[in-house]
Amino acid sequence: MYTVYAIKSEIDGRIYVGFSSNLERRLKEHNSGKTKSTKGYRPWRLIFKEQCDSRIEARKLEKFYKSGKGKEILKMVP
């Protein structure tokens, strides 16, 4: 089982979208600076998550939320 997630930077409000089989571990990696692409914008806050049954399904959903329309949906989440 995979989880597609979106996190928001408390520094500048940017949104990062990804997926993981272990969401708790992945969020710790983002907030501890182990992820190069998110290191400079810590701390991060989880704003969205959705479970998927397969990696393929999770990847498709991740691509949607990284698209223009998907990002607009995520920007409306407080």
N, C-alpha and C. Protein backbone atom coordinates (compact mmCIF):
# COMPACT_ATOMS: atom_id res chain seq x y z
N MET A 1 0.84 -1.18 0.00
CA MET A 1 0.00 0.00 0.00
C MET A 1 0.89 1.25 0.00
N TYR A 2 0.51 2.22 -0.80
CA TYR A 2 1.26 3.47 -0.93
C TYR A 2 0.37 4.64 -0.56
N THR A 3 1.00 5.71 -0.11
CA THR A 3 0.28 6.93 0.22
C THR A 3 0.83 8.08 -0.60
N VAL A 4 -0.06 8.76 -1.33
CA VAL A 4 0.31 9.99 -2.02
C VAL A 4 0.08 11.11 -1.02
N TYR A 5 1.05 12.02 -0.91
CA TYR A 5 0.94 13.06 0.11
C TYR A 5 1.38 14.41 -0.45
N ALA A 6 0.92 15.45 0.21
CA ALA A 6 1.37 16.81 -0.09
C ALA A 6 1.75 17.46 1.23
N ILE A 7 2.90 18.12 1.22
CA ILE A 7 3.35 18.85 2.40
C ILE A 7 3.57 20.30 2.01
N LYS A 8 3.38 21.18 2.99
CA LYS A 8 3.48 22.61 2.74
C LYS A 8 4.58 23.18 3.63
N SER A 9 5.43 24.01 3.06
CA SER A 9 6.50 24.64 3.81
C SER A 9 5.95 25.73 4.71
N GLU A 10 6.36 25.70 5.97
CA GLU A 10 5.95 26.75 6.91
C GLU A 10 6.73 28.04 6.64
N ILE A 11 7.81 27.96 5.88
CA ILE A 11 8.66 29.11 5.57
C ILE A 11 8.04 29.99 4.48
N ASP A 12 7.74 29.38 3.33
CA ASP A 12 7.26 30.20 2.20
C ASP A 12 5.97 29.68 1.54
N GLY A 13 5.38 28.62 2.10
CA GLY A 13 4.11 28.14 1.58
C GLY A 13 4.19 27.24 0.36
N ARG A 14 5.41 26.91 -0.10
CA ARG A 14 5.51 26.03 -1.27
C ARG A 14 4.98 24.65 -0.93
N ILE A 15 4.51 23.94 -1.94
CA ILE A 15 3.91 22.62 -1.77
C ILE A 15 4.78 21.59 -2.46
N TYR A 16 5.03 20.49 -1.77
CA TYR A 16 5.78 19.36 -2.31
C TYR A 16 4.84 18.16 -2.34
N VAL A 17 4.82 17.45 -3.47
CA VAL A 17 3.98 16.26 -3.63
C VAL A 17 4.86 15.05 -3.85
N GLY A 18 4.53 13.96 -3.18
CA GLY A 18 5.28 12.72 -3.35
C GLY A 18 4.42 11.53 -2.97
N PHE A 19 5.03 10.33 -3.01
CA PHE A 19 4.33 9.15 -2.52
C PHE A 19 5.34 8.25 -1.84
N SER A 20 4.83 7.44 -0.91
CA SER A 20 5.71 6.59 -0.11
C SER A 20 4.94 5.39 0.42
N SER A 21 5.66 4.32 0.70
CA SER A 21 5.05 3.16 1.33
C SER A 21 5.09 3.31 2.86
N ASN A 22 5.84 4.29 3.36
CA ASN A 22 5.94 4.54 4.79
C ASN A 22 5.90 6.06 5.01
N LEU A 23 4.71 6.60 5.13
CA LEU A 23 4.52 8.05 5.19
C LEU A 23 5.19 8.68 6.41
N GLU A 24 5.06 8.04 7.56
CA GLU A 24 5.65 8.59 8.78
C GLU A 24 7.17 8.76 8.65
N ARG A 25 7.85 7.73 8.14
CA ARG A 25 9.29 7.79 7.93
C ARG A 25 9.65 8.88 6.93
N ARG A 26 8.87 8.96 5.87
CA ARG A 26 9.15 9.94 4.81
C ARG A 26 9.01 11.38 5.32
N LEU A 27 8.00 11.64 6.13
CA LEU A 27 7.81 12.98 6.68
C LEU A 27 8.98 13.35 7.60
N LYS A 28 9.46 12.39 8.38
CA LYS A 28 10.63 12.64 9.23
C LYS A 28 11.85 12.98 8.38
N GLU A 29 12.01 12.29 7.24
CA GLU A 29 13.13 12.59 6.34
C GLU A 29 13.04 14.02 5.81
N HIS A 30 11.84 14.44 5.43
CA HIS A 30 11.67 15.81 4.92
C HIS A 30 12.01 16.83 6.00
N ASN A 31 11.54 16.62 7.21
CA ASN A 31 11.72 17.60 8.28
C ASN A 31 13.09 17.54 8.95
N SER A 32 13.84 16.46 8.74
CA SER A 32 15.17 16.38 9.33
C SER A 32 16.25 16.84 8.35
N GLY A 33 15.87 17.13 7.10
CA GLY A 33 16.84 17.62 6.13
C GLY A 33 17.51 16.54 5.31
N LYS A 34 17.01 15.32 5.35
CA LYS A 34 17.62 14.21 4.59
C LYS A 34 17.23 14.22 3.12
N THR A 35 16.22 15.01 2.76
CA THR A 35 15.78 15.10 1.37
C THR A 35 16.29 16.41 0.79
N LYS A 36 17.18 16.30 -0.19
CA LYS A 36 17.87 17.46 -0.75
C LYS A 36 16.91 18.53 -1.27
N SER A 37 15.84 18.09 -1.97
CA SER A 37 14.94 19.06 -2.60
C SER A 37 14.07 19.83 -1.61
N THR A 38 13.91 19.33 -0.39
CA THR A 38 13.06 20.01 0.58
C THR A 38 13.84 20.55 1.77
N LYS A 39 15.12 20.30 1.82
CA LYS A 39 15.95 20.64 2.98
C LYS A 39 15.88 22.13 3.35
N GLY A 40 15.93 23.00 2.39
CA GLY A 40 16.01 24.44 2.66
C GLY A 40 14.70 25.12 3.01
N TYR A 41 13.61 24.37 3.05
CA TYR A 41 12.29 24.99 3.26
C TYR A 41 11.58 24.41 4.48
N ARG A 42 12.33 23.82 5.38
CA ARG A 42 11.76 23.22 6.61
C ARG A 42 11.30 24.32 7.56
N PRO A 43 10.33 24.04 8.41
CA PRO A 43 9.60 22.78 8.60
C PRO A 43 8.45 22.60 7.61
N TRP A 44 8.06 21.35 7.44
CA TRP A 44 6.97 20.97 6.54
C TRP A 44 5.78 20.48 7.35
N ARG A 45 4.58 20.73 6.81
CA ARG A 45 3.33 20.31 7.45
C ARG A 45 2.52 19.52 6.43
N LEU A 46 2.03 18.35 6.85
CA LEU A 46 1.21 17.51 5.98
C LEU A 46 -0.14 18.18 5.75
N ILE A 47 -0.51 18.35 4.47
CA ILE A 47 -1.81 18.99 4.17
C ILE A 47 -2.76 18.05 3.43
N PHE A 48 -2.24 16.93 2.90
CA PHE A 48 -3.08 16.03 2.11
C PHE A 48 -2.44 14.65 2.08
N LYS A 49 -3.28 13.61 2.16
CA LYS A 49 -2.80 12.24 1.94
C LYS A 49 -3.93 11.40 1.38
N GLU A 50 -3.57 10.44 0.52
CA GLU A 50 -4.54 9.53 -0.07
C GLU A 50 -3.89 8.18 -0.29
N GLN A 51 -4.56 7.13 0.16
CA GLN A 51 -4.05 5.77 0.04
C GLN A 51 -4.27 5.23 -1.38
N CYS A 52 -3.29 4.45 -1.86
CA CYS A 52 -3.40 3.78 -3.15
C CYS A 52 -3.02 2.32 -2.97
N ASP A 53 -3.63 1.45 -3.77
CA ASP A 53 -3.36 0.02 -3.65
C ASP A 53 -2.07 -0.41 -4.33
N SER A 54 -1.63 0.33 -5.34
CA SER A 54 -0.43 -0.07 -6.07
C SER A 54 0.50 1.11 -6.31
N ARG A 55 1.74 0.80 -6.60
CA ARG A 55 2.74 1.83 -6.90
C ARG A 55 2.36 2.58 -8.18
N ILE A 56 1.84 1.87 -9.15
CA ILE A 56 1.44 2.47 -10.43
C ILE A 56 0.32 3.49 -10.20
N GLU A 57 -0.68 3.10 -9.41
CA GLU A 57 -1.79 4.00 -9.09
C GLU A 57 -1.28 5.24 -8.34
N ALA A 58 -0.37 5.01 -7.39
CA ALA A 58 0.19 6.12 -6.62
C ALA A 58 0.97 7.07 -7.52
N ARG A 59 1.72 6.55 -8.45
CA ARG A 59 2.50 7.39 -9.36
C ARG A 59 1.59 8.25 -10.24
N LYS A 60 0.49 7.67 -10.71
CA LYS A 60 -0.47 8.43 -11.53
C LYS A 60 -1.10 9.56 -10.74
N LEU A 61 -1.47 9.28 -9.49
CA LEU A 61 -2.08 10.30 -8.64
C LEU A 61 -1.06 11.39 -8.29
N GLU A 62 0.17 10.97 -8.04
CA GLU A 62 1.23 11.95 -7.76
C GLU A 62 1.41 12.89 -8.97
N LYS A 63 1.44 12.33 -10.17
CA LYS A 63 1.60 13.15 -11.37
C LYS A 63 0.45 14.14 -11.51
N PHE A 64 -0.78 13.71 -11.17
CA PHE A 64 -1.92 14.61 -11.25
C PHE A 64 -1.74 15.79 -10.29
N TYR A 65 -1.37 15.51 -9.04
CA TYR A 65 -1.23 16.58 -8.05
C TYR A 65 -0.01 17.47 -8.31
N LYS A 66 0.91 17.01 -9.14
CA LYS A 66 2.05 17.85 -9.53
C LYS A 66 1.70 18.71 -10.75
N SER A 67 0.58 18.40 -11.40
CA SER A 67 0.15 19.16 -12.58
C SER A 67 -0.48 20.48 -12.15
N GLY A 68 -0.76 21.33 -13.11
CA GLY A 68 -1.38 22.63 -12.82
C GLY A 68 -2.71 22.51 -12.11
N LYS A 69 -3.57 21.66 -12.61
CA LYS A 69 -4.91 21.49 -12.00
C LYS A 69 -4.80 20.89 -10.60
N GLY A 70 -3.94 19.92 -10.44
CA GLY A 70 -3.76 19.29 -9.14
C GLY A 70 -3.19 20.27 -8.12
N LYS A 71 -2.22 21.08 -8.54
CA LYS A 71 -1.63 22.09 -7.63
C LYS A 71 -2.68 23.11 -7.20
N GLU A 72 -3.56 23.49 -8.11
CA GLU A 72 -4.63 24.43 -7.76
C GLU A 72 -5.54 23.87 -6.68
N ILE A 73 -5.84 22.58 -6.76
CA ILE A 73 -6.65 21.93 -5.73
C ILE A 73 -5.94 21.97 -4.40
N LEU A 74 -4.65 21.65 -4.40
CA LEU A 74 -3.87 21.64 -3.15
C LEU A 74 -3.71 23.03 -2.55
N LYS A 75 -3.65 24.06 -3.38
CA LYS A 75 -3.51 25.43 -2.88
C LYS A 75 -4.74 25.86 -2.09
N MET A 76 -5.87 25.21 -2.31
CA MET A 76 -7.09 25.58 -1.59
C MET A 76 -7.15 24.94 -0.20
N VAL A 77 -6.27 23.96 0.06
CA VAL A 77 -6.23 23.31 1.37
C VAL A 77 -5.56 24.27 2.36
N PRO A 78 -6.20 24.52 3.51
CA PRO A 78 -5.63 25.47 4.47
C PRO A 78 -4.33 24.98 5.10
